[in-house]
Amino acid sequence: MSKKKNVAQRLAIIEDMTIYNAATQKQALVEALAACDELELDLSTVGEIDTAGFQLLVLVKREAARLGKQAHIVAHSPAVSEVVDFFNMAAHFGDPILVPAQEAR
């Protein structure tokens, strides 16, 4: 008997998304994605994000696509918005102000 997966799951990351937290956060992101069809990332309390954190966002988006699932950011902190804007990826990840997450795929 297989378990029925949740349709959507919201995951709030509360720690900084830096190299120091990347391994732990990677595990949490992969597990959350495995447990649902759609992963909504709440990053509204992330105080700092570096390239390791940005790579995690790219990883979860890529893995979601590979698995036929969806993943997007539904709440950005100023730090996350700055990095996403710097890399010009708002449409890719979903920007609640510019592009509603449900439309960003």
Protein backbone atom coordinates (compact mmCIF):
# COMPACT_ATOMS: atom_id res chain seq x y z
CA MET A 1 0.00 0.00 0.00
CA SER A 2 1.50 3.36 -0.98
CA LYS A 3 1.09 6.53 0.98
CA LYS A 4 -0.93 9.30 -0.57
CA LYS A 5 1.20 12.41 -0.97
CA ASN A 6 0.05 15.83 0.10
CA VAL A 7 -0.97 18.03 -2.78
CA ALA A 8 0.84 21.13 -1.48
CA GLN A 9 3.19 21.70 1.39
CA ARG A 10 4.61 24.93 2.76
CA LEU A 11 8.10 24.89 4.22
CA ALA A 12 9.37 27.87 6.20
CA ILE A 13 13.13 28.30 6.34
CA ILE A 14 13.94 30.35 9.42
CA GLU A 15 17.74 30.15 9.50
CA ASP A 16 20.11 32.01 7.22
CA MET A 17 20.60 30.24 3.90
CA THR A 18 24.38 30.21 3.99
CA ILE A 19 27.15 27.68 3.55
CA TYR A 20 26.97 27.00 7.29
CA ASN A 21 23.39 25.70 7.08
CA ALA A 22 23.41 24.32 3.52
CA ALA A 23 23.77 20.61 4.31
CA THR A 24 20.94 20.60 6.85
CA GLN A 25 18.70 22.74 4.67
CA LYS A 26 19.39 20.59 1.60
CA GLN A 27 18.16 17.52 3.48
CA ALA A 28 15.03 19.34 4.67
CA LEU A 29 14.25 20.63 1.18
CA VAL A 30 14.73 17.24 -0.48
CA GLU A 31 12.56 15.51 2.14
CA ALA A 32 9.83 18.14 1.86
CA LEU A 33 9.79 17.86 -1.92
CA ALA A 34 9.58 14.07 -1.72
CA ALA A 35 6.51 14.33 0.53
CA CYS A 36 4.37 16.51 -1.74
CA ASP A 37 3.42 17.41 -5.27
CA GLU A 38 3.87 21.14 -4.77
CA LEU A 39 6.37 22.80 -2.42
CA GLU A 40 5.88 26.38 -1.32
CA LEU A 41 8.96 27.94 0.26
CA ASP A 42 8.38 30.63 2.85
CA LEU A 43 11.67 32.51 3.08
CA SER A 44 10.25 35.60 4.77
CA THR A 45 12.47 35.28 7.85
CA VAL A 46 15.77 34.45 6.10
CA GLY A 47 18.18 37.16 7.23
CA GLU A 48 21.10 36.24 4.97
CA ILE A 49 21.53 34.18 1.82
CA ASP A 50 24.78 33.47 0.02
CA THR A 51 25.59 31.54 -3.14
CA ALA A 52 25.25 28.22 -1.29
CA GLY A 53 21.69 29.20 -0.31
CA PHE A 54 20.92 30.32 -3.84
CA GLN A 55 22.24 27.00 -5.15
CA LEU A 56 19.79 25.22 -2.84
CA LEU A 57 16.93 27.17 -4.39
CA VAL A 58 18.12 26.20 -7.87
CA LEU A 59 18.49 22.57 -6.73
CA VAL A 60 14.96 22.32 -5.35
CA LYS A 61 13.51 23.95 -8.46
CA ARG A 62 15.47 21.58 -10.74
CA GLU A 63 14.53 18.49 -8.70
CA ALA A 64 10.88 19.50 -8.70
CA ALA A 65 10.93 19.75 -12.49
CA ARG A 66 12.73 16.41 -12.79
CA LEU A 67 10.10 14.74 -10.61
CA GLY A 68 7.14 16.40 -12.32
CA LYS A 69 6.42 18.53 -9.27
CA GLN A 70 6.33 22.24 -8.55
CA ALA A 71 8.40 24.38 -6.20
CA HIS A 72 8.28 28.12 -5.73
CA ILE A 73 8.96 30.86 -3.24
CA VAL A 74 5.78 32.30 -1.77
CA ALA A 75 7.33 34.78 0.69
CA HIS A 76 10.66 36.58 0.37
CA SER A 77 12.75 38.35 2.97
CA PRO A 78 14.58 41.47 1.78
CA ALA A 79 17.82 39.45 1.62
CA VAL A 80 16.23 36.74 -0.54
CA SER A 81 14.59 39.32 -2.81
CA GLU A 82 17.94 41.03 -3.30
CA VAL A 83 19.69 37.80 -4.34
CA VAL A 84 16.83 36.62 -6.55
CA ASP A 85 16.74 40.05 -8.22
CA PHE A 86 20.55 40.10 -8.58
CA PHE A 87 20.43 36.83 -10.52
CA ASN A 88 17.30 38.02 -12.41
CA MET A 89 15.36 34.91 -11.31
CA ALA A 90 12.11 36.38 -9.94
CA ALA A 91 10.00 34.88 -12.71
CA HIS A 92 11.72 31.50 -12.26
CA PHE A 93 11.17 31.22 -8.51
CA GLY A 94 7.97 33.20 -8.14
CA ASP A 95 7.91 36.71 -6.78
CA PRO A 96 4.78 37.44 -4.72
CA ILE A 97 4.88 41.08 -5.79
CA LEU A 98 5.85 40.74 -9.46
CA VAL A 99 4.76 37.23 -10.42
CA PRO A 100 2.26 35.27 -8.33
CA ALA A 101 3.82 31.92 -7.35
CA GLN A 102 1.04 29.90 -8.97
CA GLU A 103 1.91 31.43 -12.33
CA ALA A 104 5.71 31.17 -11.98
CA ARG A 105 6.69 27.81 -13.39
